[in-house]
Amino acid sequence: MTSSSFQRTLILPATLCEQAVPYLEQAARRTVDGAGAPLKAFRAAADGDCTLPVSVVEQAAGCLLVLATETAQSVRPSVLRATIGVALCLRDAVEAVRQPALTTRFW
């Protein structure tokens, strides 16, 4: 993943984009609020260079966490772990962009 403190977009690994699409499709089918926009963006990105706006990646992570919560009692633990894993990877990518490029420690 590439990022800088000034970027408004992220370049995600293609595998992460591809992994997120089916979960976002499931979230959209379950009518999770806000899942439509990230689904459309991730579908387009999976066919290209996987460059997405930070806000869309953040929204996708939130939708996947809602999906995990809603399906926790009805899916296998491995499916739940996979859903949460993708959501956390997306969230971590957003957090990496928001971290300052250099940290200075004051003594």
Protein backbone atom coordinates (compact mmCIF):
# COMPACT_ATOMS: atom_id res chain seq x y z
CA MET A 1 0.00 0.00 0.00
CA THR A 2 1.27 3.43 -0.81
CA SER A 3 0.34 6.44 1.17
CA SER A 4 1.43 9.86 2.29
CA SER A 5 -0.08 12.34 4.68
CA PHE A 6 -1.18 14.51 1.75
CA GLN A 7 -2.89 11.84 -0.34
CA ARG A 8 -6.64 11.58 -0.66
CA THR A 9 -6.40 8.21 -2.39
CA LEU A 10 -4.93 4.82 -1.56
CA ILE A 11 -3.41 2.21 -3.77
CA LEU A 12 -4.46 -1.10 -2.31
CA PRO A 13 -3.04 -4.50 -3.19
CA ALA A 14 -5.10 -6.10 -5.96
CA THR A 15 -5.78 -9.14 -3.79
CA LEU A 16 -7.33 -6.96 -1.08
CA CYS A 17 -9.58 -5.23 -3.62
CA GLU A 18 -10.64 -8.60 -5.00
CA GLN A 19 -11.29 -9.99 -1.51
CA ALA A 20 -13.42 -7.00 -0.53
CA VAL A 21 -15.79 -7.18 -3.53
CA PRO A 22 -17.76 -10.33 -2.56
CA TYR A 23 -18.16 -9.10 1.02
CA LEU A 24 -19.36 -5.72 -0.20
CA GLU A 25 -21.78 -7.49 -2.54
CA GLN A 26 -23.12 -9.42 0.43
CA ALA A 27 -23.40 -6.22 2.45
CA ALA A 28 -25.32 -4.56 -0.37
CA ARG A 29 -27.67 -7.56 -0.64
CA ARG A 30 -28.31 -7.33 3.10
CA THR A 31 -28.94 -3.61 2.59
CA VAL A 32 -26.18 -2.43 4.89
CA ASP A 33 -26.37 1.37 4.78
CA GLY A 34 -23.73 2.86 2.52
CA ALA A 35 -22.51 -0.38 0.92
CA GLY A 36 -23.48 0.56 -2.64
CA ALA A 37 -20.90 3.28 -3.26
CA PRO A 38 -17.88 1.30 -2.01
CA LEU A 39 -19.08 -1.77 -3.91
CA LYS A 40 -19.17 0.16 -7.17
CA ALA A 41 -15.75 1.72 -6.51
CA PHE A 42 -14.12 -1.57 -5.50
CA ARG A 43 -15.52 -3.38 -8.54
CA ALA A 44 -14.02 -0.72 -10.80
CA ALA A 45 -10.73 -0.72 -8.90
CA ALA A 46 -10.40 -4.51 -8.97
CA ASP A 47 -10.34 -4.30 -12.77
CA GLY A 48 -7.73 -1.55 -12.74
CA ASP A 49 -4.98 -0.25 -10.51
CA CYS A 50 -6.86 -0.45 -7.16
CA THR A 51 -6.60 3.28 -6.48
CA LEU A 52 -9.48 4.36 -4.28
CA PRO A 53 -10.43 7.48 -2.33
CA VAL A 54 -9.59 7.18 1.36
CA SER A 55 -13.20 7.96 2.30
CA VAL A 56 -14.47 5.07 0.17
CA VAL A 57 -12.02 2.62 1.74
CA GLU A 58 -13.07 3.82 5.19
CA GLN A 59 -16.74 3.43 4.28
CA ALA A 60 -16.11 -0.07 2.94
CA ALA A 61 -14.36 -1.09 6.18
CA GLY A 62 -17.31 0.15 8.20
CA CYS A 63 -19.80 -1.69 6.01
CA LEU A 64 -17.86 -4.94 6.35
CA LEU A 65 -17.75 -4.59 10.13
CA VAL A 66 -21.53 -4.04 10.16
CA LEU A 67 -21.92 -7.09 7.92
CA ALA A 68 -19.80 -9.15 10.32
CA THR A 69 -21.92 -8.03 13.25
CA GLU A 70 -25.18 -8.81 11.48
CA THR A 71 -24.07 -12.25 10.32
CA ALA A 72 -22.04 -13.32 13.35
CA GLN A 73 -24.67 -15.83 14.54
CA SER A 74 -25.45 -17.30 11.13
CA VAL A 75 -22.10 -17.92 9.40
CA ARG A 76 -19.19 -20.24 10.04
CA PRO A 77 -16.43 -18.82 12.24
CA SER A 78 -13.96 -18.97 9.34
CA VAL A 79 -16.25 -16.79 7.19
CA LEU A 80 -16.68 -14.35 10.04
CA ARG A 81 -12.89 -14.17 10.58
CA ALA A 82 -12.33 -13.59 6.86
CA THR A 83 -14.90 -10.77 6.74
CA ILE A 84 -13.41 -9.09 9.79
CA GLY A 85 -9.89 -9.62 8.44
CA VAL A 86 -10.65 -7.80 5.20
CA ALA A 87 -12.40 -5.00 7.10
CA LEU A 88 -9.42 -4.57 9.41
CA CYS A 89 -6.96 -4.52 6.50
CA LEU A 90 -9.00 -1.74 4.91
CA ARG A 91 -9.19 0.16 8.19
CA ASP A 92 -5.44 -0.22 8.72
CA ALA A 93 -4.78 1.17 5.24
CA VAL A 94 -6.86 4.24 6.06
CA GLU A 95 -5.08 4.68 9.38
CA ALA A 96 -1.69 4.43 7.67
CA VAL A 97 -2.62 7.33 5.41
CA ARG A 98 -3.68 9.43 8.37
CA GLN A 99 -0.46 8.89 10.29
CA PRO A 100 2.11 11.65 9.93
CA ALA A 101 4.94 10.78 7.56
CA LEU A 102 7.56 11.60 10.19
CA THR A 103 7.12 11.51 13.90
CA THR A 104 9.19 13.69 16.15
CA ARG A 105 9.68 12.85 19.77
CA PHE A 106 10.27 15.76 22.09
CA TRP A 107 12.67 15.14 24.95
